[in-house]
């Protein structure tokens, strides 16, 4: 799960970190403590990918594959919303190559939110976390995410069928986001008490 920001990433990561036994029972390993700064999620992988250190990227792939073999689960799930900021084939391709050497099947999920809701949520976040006065230009410059470019770059590195968009927003007759995500992406039904 590569993001995007302001599209349920924290909810996914919190639910996974709180419910690792539930996931493990369903055959899904959600590793925590992989990275020091944010141990319940995997956005720090972005810095590793950006470093361009192919040996370190391959080492990371080997490490997470070994975790999967040790635990006995059949699926490894990583979630880092900062990964959606990687929007160039040459950045992403070494990660794709490293993961292909250790995993039989890979699926990359990009959660996409309605534009107006995304902009408002991003704006509220920007205002909350900016100490100085904010101009419209400041805010506009802070938005660097293009769903179209992100999907194109990840698909060029991993393959079109491997990278799927997932709607954050649900219709009136659909389940809430977190329940839909766990069901459709991880094959896990979440009970009301877990939600």
N, C-alpha and C. Protein backbone atom coordinates (compact mmCIF):
# COMPACT_ATOMS: atom_id res chain seq x y z
N UNK A 1 0.86 -1.17 0.00
CA UNK A 1 0.00 0.00 0.00
C UNK A 1 0.90 1.22 0.00
N UNK A 2 0.83 2.02 -1.08
CA UNK A 2 1.75 3.13 -1.27
C UNK A 2 1.12 4.49 -0.98
N UNK A 3 -0.04 4.54 -0.40
CA UNK A 3 -0.69 5.82 -0.10
C UNK A 3 -1.99 5.93 -0.87
N UNK A 4 -2.47 7.11 -1.11
CA UNK A 4 -1.78 8.36 -0.94
C UNK A 4 -2.04 8.97 0.43
N UNK A 5 -1.42 10.12 0.67
CA UNK A 5 -1.69 10.87 1.89
C UNK A 5 -3.15 11.29 1.93
N UNK A 6 -3.66 11.47 3.14
CA UNK A 6 -5.02 11.95 3.37
C UNK A 6 -6.06 11.03 2.74
N UNK A 7 -5.74 9.73 2.70
CA UNK A 7 -6.67 8.77 2.10
C UNK A 7 -6.70 7.47 2.90
N UNK A 8 -6.77 7.59 4.22
CA UNK A 8 -6.97 6.43 5.07
C UNK A 8 -5.73 5.66 5.47
N UNK A 9 -4.54 6.16 5.15
CA UNK A 9 -3.31 5.41 5.44
C UNK A 9 -3.13 5.17 6.93
N UNK A 10 -3.32 6.19 7.74
CA UNK A 10 -3.14 6.03 9.18
C UNK A 10 -4.14 5.02 9.74
N UNK A 11 -5.36 5.04 9.24
CA UNK A 11 -6.37 4.08 9.71
C UNK A 11 -5.95 2.65 9.36
N UNK A 12 -5.44 2.45 8.15
CA UNK A 12 -4.97 1.12 7.74
C UNK A 12 -3.83 0.66 8.65
N UNK A 13 -2.85 1.53 8.84
CA UNK A 13 -1.66 1.17 9.62
C UNK A 13 -2.01 0.93 11.08
N UNK A 14 -2.86 1.74 11.66
CA UNK A 14 -3.27 1.55 13.05
C UNK A 14 -4.02 0.25 13.23
N UNK A 15 -4.95 -0.02 12.32
CA UNK A 15 -5.71 -1.27 12.40
C UNK A 15 -4.79 -2.48 12.26
N UNK A 16 -3.83 -2.41 11.36
CA UNK A 16 -2.90 -3.52 11.18
C UNK A 16 -2.01 -3.71 12.41
N UNK A 17 -1.45 -2.62 12.92
CA UNK A 17 -0.54 -2.71 14.06
C UNK A 17 -1.26 -3.21 15.32
N UNK A 18 -2.52 -2.81 15.50
CA UNK A 18 -3.29 -3.24 16.67
C UNK A 18 -3.78 -4.68 16.55
N UNK A 19 -3.87 -5.19 15.33
CA UNK A 19 -4.50 -6.48 15.11
C UNK A 19 -3.61 -7.48 14.40
N UNK A 20 -2.32 -7.46 14.72
CA UNK A 20 -1.41 -8.41 14.05
C UNK A 20 -1.81 -9.87 14.26
N UNK A 21 -2.32 -10.27 15.43
CA UNK A 21 -2.76 -11.68 15.55
C UNK A 21 -3.93 -12.03 14.62
N UNK A 22 -4.86 -11.10 14.47
CA UNK A 22 -5.98 -11.32 13.55
C UNK A 22 -5.48 -11.48 12.12
N UNK A 23 -4.55 -10.63 11.72
CA UNK A 23 -3.98 -10.72 10.38
C UNK A 23 -3.22 -12.03 10.21
N UNK A 24 -2.41 -12.38 11.21
CA UNK A 24 -1.62 -13.61 11.12
C UNK A 24 -2.53 -14.84 10.99
N UNK A 25 -3.63 -14.82 11.72
CA UNK A 25 -4.59 -15.93 11.63
C UNK A 25 -5.15 -16.08 10.22
N UNK A 26 -5.25 -14.95 9.51
CA UNK A 26 -5.73 -14.95 8.13
C UNK A 26 -4.58 -15.14 7.12
N UNK A 27 -3.35 -15.37 7.63
CA UNK A 27 -2.22 -15.61 6.75
C UNK A 27 -1.50 -14.37 6.28
N UNK A 28 -1.73 -13.23 6.96
CA UNK A 28 -1.13 -11.96 6.56
C UNK A 28 -0.15 -11.50 7.64
N UNK A 29 1.08 -11.24 7.24
CA UNK A 29 2.08 -10.69 8.15
C UNK A 29 2.18 -9.19 7.91
N UNK A 30 1.97 -8.41 8.96
CA UNK A 30 2.18 -6.96 8.92
C UNK A 30 3.33 -6.67 9.87
N UNK A 31 4.54 -6.53 9.33
CA UNK A 31 5.70 -6.34 10.23
C UNK A 31 5.75 -4.93 10.82
N UNK A 32 6.03 -4.88 12.10
CA UNK A 32 6.28 -3.61 12.76
C UNK A 32 7.76 -3.60 13.15
N UNK A 33 8.24 -2.44 13.52
CA UNK A 33 9.64 -2.27 13.93
C UNK A 33 10.64 -2.46 12.79
N UNK A 34 10.19 -2.37 11.53
CA UNK A 34 11.13 -2.46 10.41
C UNK A 34 11.99 -1.21 10.30
N UNK A 35 11.40 -0.07 10.67
CA UNK A 35 12.08 1.21 10.57
C UNK A 35 12.01 1.92 11.92
N UNK A 36 13.05 2.69 12.26
CA UNK A 36 13.11 3.26 13.61
C UNK A 36 12.16 4.42 13.89
N UNK A 37 11.94 5.31 12.95
CA UNK A 37 11.18 6.53 13.25
C UNK A 37 9.68 6.31 13.33
N UNK A 38 9.16 5.45 12.50
CA UNK A 38 7.72 5.17 12.48
C UNK A 38 7.54 3.65 12.47
N UNK A 39 7.64 3.02 13.63
CA UNK A 39 7.69 1.55 13.67
C UNK A 39 6.39 0.85 13.27
N UNK A 40 5.27 1.54 13.24
CA UNK A 40 4.02 0.88 12.89
C UNK A 40 3.66 1.02 11.43
N UNK A 41 4.55 1.63 10.64
CA UNK A 41 4.29 1.75 9.20
C UNK A 41 5.62 1.72 8.46
N UNK A 42 5.56 1.86 7.13
CA UNK A 42 6.74 1.58 6.32
C UNK A 42 7.12 2.70 5.35
N UNK A 43 6.75 3.94 5.67
CA UNK A 43 7.06 5.06 4.78
C UNK A 43 8.55 5.34 4.66
N UNK A 44 9.33 4.92 5.65
CA UNK A 44 10.77 5.15 5.57
C UNK A 44 11.43 4.36 4.44
N UNK A 45 10.70 3.40 3.90
CA UNK A 45 11.19 2.69 2.72
C UNK A 45 11.41 3.66 1.56
N UNK A 46 10.68 4.76 1.55
CA UNK A 46 10.82 5.78 0.51
C UNK A 46 12.25 6.31 0.46
N UNK A 47 12.83 6.60 1.62
CA UNK A 47 14.20 7.10 1.65
C UNK A 47 15.19 6.06 1.13
N UNK A 48 14.95 4.80 1.48
CA UNK A 48 15.82 3.73 1.00
C UNK A 48 15.75 3.65 -0.53
N UNK A 49 14.54 3.72 -1.07
CA UNK A 49 14.38 3.66 -2.53
C UNK A 49 15.04 4.88 -3.18
N UNK A 50 14.82 6.06 -2.60
CA UNK A 50 15.41 7.28 -3.16
C UNK A 50 16.94 7.28 -3.10
N UNK A 51 17.51 6.53 -2.18
CA UNK A 51 18.97 6.48 -2.06
C UNK A 51 19.60 5.88 -3.32
N UNK A 52 18.84 5.05 -4.02
CA UNK A 52 19.36 4.40 -5.22
C UNK A 52 20.35 3.29 -4.91
N UNK A 53 20.51 2.94 -3.65
CA UNK A 53 21.45 1.88 -3.24
C UNK A 53 20.81 0.52 -3.51
N UNK A 54 21.09 -0.03 -4.69
CA UNK A 54 20.43 -1.27 -5.11
C UNK A 54 20.76 -2.43 -4.18
N UNK A 55 21.96 -2.48 -3.63
CA UNK A 55 22.32 -3.55 -2.70
C UNK A 55 21.49 -3.45 -1.41
N UNK A 56 21.30 -2.23 -0.91
CA UNK A 56 20.50 -2.04 0.30
C UNK A 56 19.03 -2.36 0.03
N UNK A 57 18.54 -2.00 -1.14
CA UNK A 57 17.15 -2.30 -1.49
C UNK A 57 16.96 -3.81 -1.60
N UNK A 58 17.92 -4.49 -2.24
CA UNK A 58 17.86 -5.96 -2.33
C UNK A 58 17.95 -6.59 -0.95
N UNK A 59 18.78 -6.01 -0.07
CA UNK A 59 18.88 -6.51 1.30
C UNK A 59 17.57 -6.38 2.05
N UNK A 60 16.87 -5.26 1.84
CA UNK A 60 15.56 -5.08 2.46
C UNK A 60 14.58 -6.13 1.96
N UNK A 61 14.58 -6.37 0.66
CA UNK A 61 13.68 -7.38 0.09
C UNK A 61 13.97 -8.75 0.69
N UNK A 62 15.24 -9.10 0.82
CA UNK A 62 15.61 -10.38 1.44
C UNK A 62 15.14 -10.45 2.89
N UNK A 63 15.29 -9.33 3.61
CA UNK A 63 14.90 -9.28 5.02
C UNK A 63 13.40 -9.53 5.20
N UNK A 64 12.58 -8.86 4.39
CA UNK A 64 11.13 -9.03 4.56
C UNK A 64 10.67 -10.39 4.06
N UNK A 65 11.35 -10.95 3.05
CA UNK A 65 11.02 -12.30 2.60
C UNK A 65 11.33 -13.31 3.70
N UNK A 66 12.44 -13.11 4.40
CA UNK A 66 12.82 -14.00 5.50
C UNK A 66 11.80 -13.92 6.64
N UNK A 67 11.28 -12.71 6.92
CA UNK A 67 10.25 -12.57 7.94
C UNK A 67 9.02 -13.40 7.59
N UNK A 68 8.66 -13.38 6.33
CA UNK A 68 7.49 -14.12 5.89
C UNK A 68 7.71 -15.62 6.05
N UNK A 69 8.89 -16.10 5.69
CA UNK A 69 9.19 -17.53 5.82
C UNK A 69 9.22 -17.95 7.28
N UNK A 70 9.72 -17.10 8.14
CA UNK A 70 9.82 -17.43 9.57
C UNK A 70 8.45 -17.51 10.21
N UNK A 71 7.58 -16.57 9.86
CA UNK A 71 6.27 -16.50 10.50
C UNK A 71 5.27 -17.53 10.02
N UNK A 72 5.44 -18.05 8.84
CA UNK A 72 4.51 -19.04 8.32
C UNK A 72 3.29 -18.46 7.61
N UNK A 73 3.17 -17.14 7.55
CA UNK A 73 2.05 -16.54 6.82
C UNK A 73 2.33 -16.64 5.32
N UNK A 74 1.29 -16.46 4.53
CA UNK A 74 1.45 -16.55 3.07
C UNK A 74 1.54 -15.19 2.39
N UNK A 75 1.15 -14.13 3.09
CA UNK A 75 1.12 -12.79 2.51
C UNK A 75 1.83 -11.81 3.43
N UNK A 76 2.67 -10.98 2.86
CA UNK A 76 3.32 -9.90 3.59
C UNK A 76 2.67 -8.60 3.15
N UNK A 77 2.26 -7.77 4.11
CA UNK A 77 1.61 -6.51 3.78
C UNK A 77 2.43 -5.36 4.34
N UNK A 78 2.83 -4.44 3.46
CA UNK A 78 3.53 -3.22 3.86
C UNK A 78 2.65 -2.02 3.53
N UNK A 79 2.75 -0.98 4.34
CA UNK A 79 1.95 0.21 4.13
C UNK A 79 2.76 1.45 4.44
N UNK A 80 2.97 2.28 3.42
CA UNK A 80 3.69 3.54 3.61
C UNK A 80 3.21 4.58 2.63
N UNK A 81 2.48 5.57 3.15
CA UNK A 81 1.88 6.57 2.24
C UNK A 81 2.91 7.42 1.52
N UNK A 82 4.10 7.58 2.09
CA UNK A 82 5.12 8.37 1.40
C UNK A 82 5.61 7.72 0.11
N UNK A 83 5.37 6.43 -0.03
CA UNK A 83 5.79 5.76 -1.26
C UNK A 83 5.10 6.35 -2.49
N UNK A 84 3.92 6.93 -2.29
CA UNK A 84 3.22 7.54 -3.43
C UNK A 84 3.94 8.77 -3.96
N UNK A 85 4.89 9.30 -3.20
CA UNK A 85 5.66 10.45 -3.68
C UNK A 85 6.74 10.03 -4.69
N UNK A 86 6.98 8.73 -4.80
CA UNK A 86 7.91 8.23 -5.82
C UNK A 86 7.14 8.18 -7.14
N UNK A 87 7.51 9.01 -8.07
CA UNK A 87 6.74 9.10 -9.31
C UNK A 87 7.64 9.08 -10.54
N UNK A 88 8.81 8.41 -10.40
CA UNK A 88 9.69 8.25 -11.56
C UNK A 88 10.08 6.78 -11.69
N UNK A 89 9.99 6.28 -12.90
CA UNK A 89 10.30 4.88 -13.17
C UNK A 89 11.69 4.51 -12.66
N UNK A 90 12.68 5.35 -12.91
CA UNK A 90 14.06 5.01 -12.53
C UNK A 90 14.23 4.91 -11.02
N UNK A 91 13.41 5.62 -10.24
CA UNK A 91 13.46 5.49 -8.78
C UNK A 91 12.85 4.17 -8.33
N UNK A 92 11.72 3.82 -8.93
CA UNK A 92 10.92 2.69 -8.47
C UNK A 92 11.43 1.35 -8.98
N UNK A 93 12.03 1.33 -10.17
CA UNK A 93 12.41 0.08 -10.81
C UNK A 93 13.33 -0.80 -9.96
N UNK A 94 14.36 -0.26 -9.27
CA UNK A 94 15.19 -1.13 -8.43
C UNK A 94 14.40 -1.85 -7.34
N UNK A 95 13.38 -1.19 -6.77
CA UNK A 95 12.53 -1.84 -5.78
C UNK A 95 11.74 -2.97 -6.43
N UNK A 96 11.18 -2.69 -7.60
CA UNK A 96 10.41 -3.73 -8.31
C UNK A 96 11.29 -4.94 -8.60
N UNK A 97 12.48 -4.71 -9.08
CA UNK A 97 13.40 -5.82 -9.39
C UNK A 97 13.76 -6.62 -8.14
N UNK A 98 14.06 -5.92 -7.06
CA UNK A 98 14.43 -6.61 -5.82
C UNK A 98 13.28 -7.45 -5.28
N UNK A 99 12.07 -6.90 -5.31
CA UNK A 99 10.92 -7.65 -4.81
C UNK A 99 10.58 -8.84 -5.69
N UNK A 100 10.75 -8.69 -7.00
CA UNK A 100 10.48 -9.81 -7.92
C UNK A 100 11.39 -11.01 -7.67
N UNK A 101 12.59 -10.75 -7.16
CA UNK A 101 13.52 -11.87 -6.93
C UNK A 101 13.12 -12.71 -5.73
N UNK A 102 12.31 -12.16 -4.81
CA UNK A 102 11.99 -12.91 -3.59
C UNK A 102 10.51 -13.22 -3.40
N UNK A 103 9.63 -12.62 -4.20
CA UNK A 103 8.20 -12.87 -4.05
C UNK A 103 7.60 -13.38 -5.36
N UNK A 104 6.68 -14.33 -5.24
CA UNK A 104 6.01 -14.90 -6.41
C UNK A 104 4.98 -13.95 -6.99
N UNK A 105 4.32 -13.22 -6.13
CA UNK A 105 3.25 -12.33 -6.58
C UNK A 105 3.35 -11.02 -5.81
N UNK A 106 3.18 -9.92 -6.52
CA UNK A 106 3.24 -8.59 -5.92
C UNK A 106 2.01 -7.82 -6.38
N UNK A 107 1.42 -7.10 -5.44
CA UNK A 107 0.32 -6.21 -5.78
C UNK A 107 0.59 -4.88 -5.09
N UNK A 108 0.48 -3.80 -5.83
CA UNK A 108 0.67 -2.45 -5.31
C UNK A 108 -0.67 -1.75 -5.36
N UNK A 109 -1.05 -1.15 -4.22
CA UNK A 109 -2.36 -0.50 -4.12
C UNK A 109 -2.16 0.98 -3.82
N UNK A 110 -2.78 1.81 -4.64
CA UNK A 110 -2.80 3.26 -4.44
C UNK A 110 -4.23 3.68 -4.14
N UNK A 111 -4.45 4.20 -2.94
CA UNK A 111 -5.78 4.67 -2.57
C UNK A 111 -5.94 6.10 -3.08
N UNK A 112 -7.03 6.31 -3.79
CA UNK A 112 -7.29 7.63 -4.39
C UNK A 112 -8.59 8.19 -3.82
N UNK A 113 -8.51 9.45 -3.45
CA UNK A 113 -9.65 10.15 -2.84
C UNK A 113 -10.20 11.18 -3.82
N UNK A 114 -11.49 11.51 -3.70
CA UNK A 114 -12.09 12.57 -4.52
C UNK A 114 -11.26 13.83 -4.41
N UNK A 115 -11.04 14.50 -5.54
CA UNK A 115 -10.14 15.67 -5.57
C UNK A 115 -10.50 16.73 -4.55
N UNK A 116 -11.75 17.13 -4.50
CA UNK A 116 -12.16 18.22 -3.60
C UNK A 116 -11.93 17.83 -2.14
N UNK A 117 -12.27 16.59 -1.79
CA UNK A 117 -12.06 16.13 -0.41
C UNK A 117 -10.58 16.03 -0.08
N UNK A 118 -9.79 15.55 -1.05
CA UNK A 118 -8.34 15.46 -0.85
C UNK A 118 -7.75 16.85 -0.60
N UNK A 119 -8.13 17.82 -1.43
CA UNK A 119 -7.58 19.17 -1.30
C UNK A 119 -7.97 19.78 0.04
N UNK A 120 -9.21 19.62 0.45
CA UNK A 120 -9.65 20.20 1.74
C UNK A 120 -8.92 19.53 2.91
N UNK A 121 -8.80 18.23 2.88
CA UNK A 121 -8.11 17.53 3.95
C UNK A 121 -6.64 17.92 3.99
N UNK A 122 -6.02 18.01 2.84
CA UNK A 122 -4.62 18.41 2.74
C UNK A 122 -4.45 19.85 3.25
N UNK A 123 -5.38 20.72 2.89
CA UNK A 123 -5.32 22.11 3.33
C UNK A 123 -5.42 22.21 4.85
N UNK A 124 -6.36 21.48 5.44
CA UNK A 124 -6.51 21.48 6.91
C UNK A 124 -5.24 20.97 7.58
N UNK A 125 -4.66 19.93 7.04
CA UNK A 125 -3.41 19.38 7.58
C UNK A 125 -2.29 20.42 7.46
N UNK A 126 -2.22 21.06 6.31
CA UNK A 126 -1.20 22.07 6.05
C UNK A 126 -1.31 23.22 7.05
N UNK A 127 -2.53 23.70 7.30
CA UNK A 127 -2.74 24.79 8.24
C UNK A 127 -2.36 24.39 9.66
N UNK A 128 -2.70 23.15 10.04
CA UNK A 128 -2.42 22.67 11.38
C UNK A 128 -0.92 22.51 11.66
N UNK A 129 -0.17 22.18 10.62
CA UNK A 129 1.24 21.85 10.83
C UNK A 129 2.21 22.88 10.26
N UNK A 130 1.73 24.08 9.99
CA UNK A 130 2.60 25.15 9.49
C UNK A 130 2.57 26.28 10.50
N UNK A 131 3.74 26.61 11.04
CA UNK A 131 3.82 27.61 12.10
C UNK A 131 3.73 29.04 11.57
N UNK A 132 4.16 29.27 10.35
CA UNK A 132 4.20 30.63 9.81
C UNK A 132 2.90 30.94 9.05
N UNK A 133 2.65 32.20 8.72
CA UNK A 133 1.47 32.53 7.91
C UNK A 133 1.49 31.78 6.58
N UNK A 134 0.33 31.39 6.13
CA UNK A 134 0.20 30.55 4.95
C UNK A 134 -0.47 31.31 3.82
N UNK A 135 0.13 31.26 2.65
CA UNK A 135 -0.50 31.87 1.47
C UNK A 135 -1.03 30.77 0.57
N UNK A 136 -1.86 31.15 -0.37
CA UNK A 136 -2.37 30.18 -1.35
C UNK A 136 -1.22 29.58 -2.16
N UNK A 137 -0.21 30.39 -2.45
CA UNK A 137 0.96 29.89 -3.19
C UNK A 137 1.72 28.83 -2.39
N UNK A 138 1.86 29.06 -1.08
CA UNK A 138 2.51 28.08 -0.21
C UNK A 138 1.78 26.74 -0.30
N UNK A 139 0.47 26.82 -0.18
CA UNK A 139 -0.32 25.59 -0.20
C UNK A 139 -0.22 24.90 -1.55
N UNK A 140 -0.37 25.66 -2.61
CA UNK A 140 -0.29 25.08 -3.96
C UNK A 140 1.07 24.38 -4.17
N UNK A 141 2.13 25.02 -3.70
CA UNK A 141 3.47 24.44 -3.85
C UNK A 141 3.63 23.18 -3.01
N UNK A 142 2.85 23.04 -1.94
CA UNK A 142 2.99 21.88 -1.06
C UNK A 142 2.37 20.62 -1.67
N UNK A 143 1.45 20.78 -2.59
CA UNK A 143 0.81 19.61 -3.21
C UNK A 143 1.66 19.17 -4.39
N UNK A 144 2.29 18.04 -4.20
CA UNK A 144 3.17 17.52 -5.25
C UNK A 144 2.65 16.19 -5.80
N UNK A 145 1.50 15.76 -5.33
CA UNK A 145 0.98 14.45 -5.67
C UNK A 145 0.07 14.51 -6.89
N UNK A 146 0.37 13.67 -7.88
CA UNK A 146 -0.49 13.50 -9.04
C UNK A 146 -0.83 12.01 -9.14
N UNK A 147 -2.09 11.63 -8.88
CA UNK A 147 -2.46 10.22 -8.98
C UNK A 147 -2.11 9.63 -10.34
N UNK A 148 -2.33 10.40 -11.40
CA UNK A 148 -2.06 9.91 -12.76
C UNK A 148 -0.57 9.60 -12.94
N UNK A 149 0.29 10.52 -12.52
CA UNK A 149 1.74 10.31 -12.67
C UNK A 149 2.23 9.18 -11.77
N UNK A 150 1.70 9.11 -10.57
CA UNK A 150 2.11 8.05 -9.64
C UNK A 150 1.73 6.69 -10.19
N UNK A 151 0.49 6.55 -10.64
CA UNK A 151 0.06 5.26 -11.22
C UNK A 151 0.91 4.90 -12.43
N UNK A 152 1.16 5.85 -13.31
CA UNK A 152 1.95 5.58 -14.52
C UNK A 152 3.36 5.11 -14.16
N UNK A 153 4.00 5.78 -13.20
CA UNK A 153 5.37 5.41 -12.83
C UNK A 153 5.43 4.03 -12.19
N UNK A 154 4.52 3.75 -11.26
CA UNK A 154 4.53 2.45 -10.60
C UNK A 154 4.15 1.34 -11.57
N UNK A 155 3.23 1.62 -12.48
CA UNK A 155 2.86 0.61 -13.47
C UNK A 155 4.00 0.34 -14.44
N UNK A 156 4.77 1.37 -14.78
CA UNK A 156 5.89 1.15 -15.69
C UNK A 156 6.96 0.29 -15.03
N UNK A 157 7.10 0.38 -13.71
CA UNK A 157 8.12 -0.42 -13.01
C UNK A 157 7.62 -1.80 -12.63
N UNK A 158 6.36 -1.91 -12.21
CA UNK A 158 5.83 -3.18 -11.70
C UNK A 158 4.94 -3.92 -12.68
N UNK A 159 4.40 -3.20 -13.67
CA UNK A 159 3.45 -3.81 -14.60
C UNK A 159 2.05 -3.27 -14.36
N UNK A 160 1.32 -3.08 -15.43
CA UNK A 160 -0.01 -2.47 -15.35
C UNK A 160 -0.96 -3.24 -14.46
N UNK A 161 -0.97 -4.57 -14.59
CA UNK A 161 -1.92 -5.38 -13.83
C UNK A 161 -1.56 -5.46 -12.35
N UNK A 162 -0.33 -5.17 -12.01
CA UNK A 162 0.14 -5.29 -10.63
C UNK A 162 -0.27 -4.10 -9.77
N UNK A 163 -0.40 -2.93 -10.38
CA UNK A 163 -0.67 -1.70 -9.63
C UNK A 163 -2.14 -1.32 -9.81
N UNK A 164 -2.86 -1.30 -8.69
CA UNK A 164 -4.30 -1.04 -8.79
C UNK A 164 -4.69 0.19 -7.96
N UNK A 165 -5.57 1.01 -8.52
CA UNK A 165 -6.14 2.11 -7.72
C UNK A 165 -7.30 1.58 -6.89
N UNK A 166 -7.49 2.15 -5.73
CA UNK A 166 -8.58 1.75 -4.84
C UNK A 166 -9.26 3.01 -4.36
N UNK A 167 -10.57 3.08 -4.48
CA UNK A 167 -11.32 4.29 -4.11
C UNK A 167 -11.45 4.43 -2.61
N UNK A 168 -11.03 5.57 -2.10
CA UNK A 168 -11.21 5.88 -0.68
C UNK A 168 -12.69 6.12 -0.39
N UNK A 169 -13.32 6.85 -1.28
CA UNK A 169 -14.72 7.24 -1.09
C UNK A 169 -15.63 6.08 -1.46
N UNK A 170 -16.69 5.93 -0.69
CA UNK A 170 -17.64 4.87 -0.98
C UNK A 170 -19.02 5.46 -1.22
N UNK A 171 -19.78 4.75 -2.01
CA UNK A 171 -21.16 5.16 -2.25
C UNK A 171 -22.01 4.86 -1.03
N UNK A 172 -23.22 5.35 -1.05
CA UNK A 172 -24.12 5.19 0.09
C UNK A 172 -24.39 3.72 0.41
N UNK A 173 -24.36 2.86 -0.60
CA UNK A 173 -24.68 1.45 -0.38
C UNK A 173 -23.44 0.60 -0.08
N UNK A 174 -22.26 1.21 -0.08
CA UNK A 174 -21.04 0.46 0.16
C UNK A 174 -20.62 0.49 1.62
N UNK A 175 -19.76 -0.45 1.98
CA UNK A 175 -19.18 -0.50 3.32
C UNK A 175 -18.22 0.68 3.51
N UNK A 176 -17.92 1.04 4.76
CA UNK A 176 -16.93 2.08 5.02
C UNK A 176 -15.56 1.68 4.46
N UNK A 177 -14.71 2.69 4.25
CA UNK A 177 -13.41 2.48 3.61
C UNK A 177 -12.60 1.36 4.23
N UNK A 178 -12.37 1.41 5.53
CA UNK A 178 -11.48 0.44 6.16
C UNK A 178 -11.99 -0.99 5.99
N UNK A 179 -13.27 -1.18 6.15
CA UNK A 179 -13.86 -2.52 5.97
C UNK A 179 -13.69 -2.99 4.52
N UNK A 180 -13.94 -2.09 3.56
CA UNK A 180 -13.77 -2.46 2.14
C UNK A 180 -12.32 -2.78 1.82
N UNK A 181 -11.40 -1.96 2.34
CA UNK A 181 -9.98 -2.17 2.06
C UNK A 181 -9.52 -3.53 2.57
N UNK A 182 -9.80 -3.82 3.83
CA UNK A 182 -9.38 -5.10 4.40
C UNK A 182 -10.01 -6.28 3.67
N UNK A 183 -11.27 -6.15 3.32
CA UNK A 183 -11.96 -7.23 2.63
C UNK A 183 -11.41 -7.44 1.21
N UNK A 184 -11.33 -6.38 0.43
CA UNK A 184 -10.95 -6.51 -0.98
C UNK A 184 -9.46 -6.63 -1.21
N UNK A 185 -8.65 -6.03 -0.39
CA UNK A 185 -7.21 -6.05 -0.59
C UNK A 185 -6.53 -7.18 0.18
N UNK A 186 -6.95 -7.39 1.43
CA UNK A 186 -6.30 -8.40 2.25
C UNK A 186 -7.13 -9.67 2.44
N UNK A 187 -8.38 -9.62 2.01
CA UNK A 187 -9.24 -10.80 2.15
C UNK A 187 -9.62 -11.08 3.59
N UNK A 188 -9.70 -10.03 4.40
CA UNK A 188 -10.01 -10.17 5.82
C UNK A 188 -11.27 -9.37 6.14
N UNK A 189 -12.26 -10.02 6.70
CA UNK A 189 -13.46 -9.33 7.14
C UNK A 189 -13.22 -8.74 8.52
N UNK A 190 -13.49 -7.47 8.68
CA UNK A 190 -13.31 -6.81 9.98
C UNK A 190 -14.63 -6.75 10.72
N UNK A 191 -14.62 -7.18 11.95
CA UNK A 191 -15.82 -7.09 12.78
C UNK A 191 -15.98 -5.66 13.27
N UNK A 192 -17.17 -5.35 13.76
CA UNK A 192 -17.42 -4.00 14.28
C UNK A 192 -16.50 -3.65 15.44
N UNK A 193 -16.19 -4.62 16.30
CA UNK A 193 -15.34 -4.30 17.45
C UNK A 193 -13.92 -4.00 17.01
N UNK A 194 -13.44 -4.63 15.93
CA UNK A 194 -12.11 -4.31 15.40
C UNK A 194 -12.12 -2.91 14.80
N UNK A 195 -13.19 -2.60 14.05
CA UNK A 195 -13.30 -1.25 13.48
C UNK A 195 -13.38 -0.20 14.57
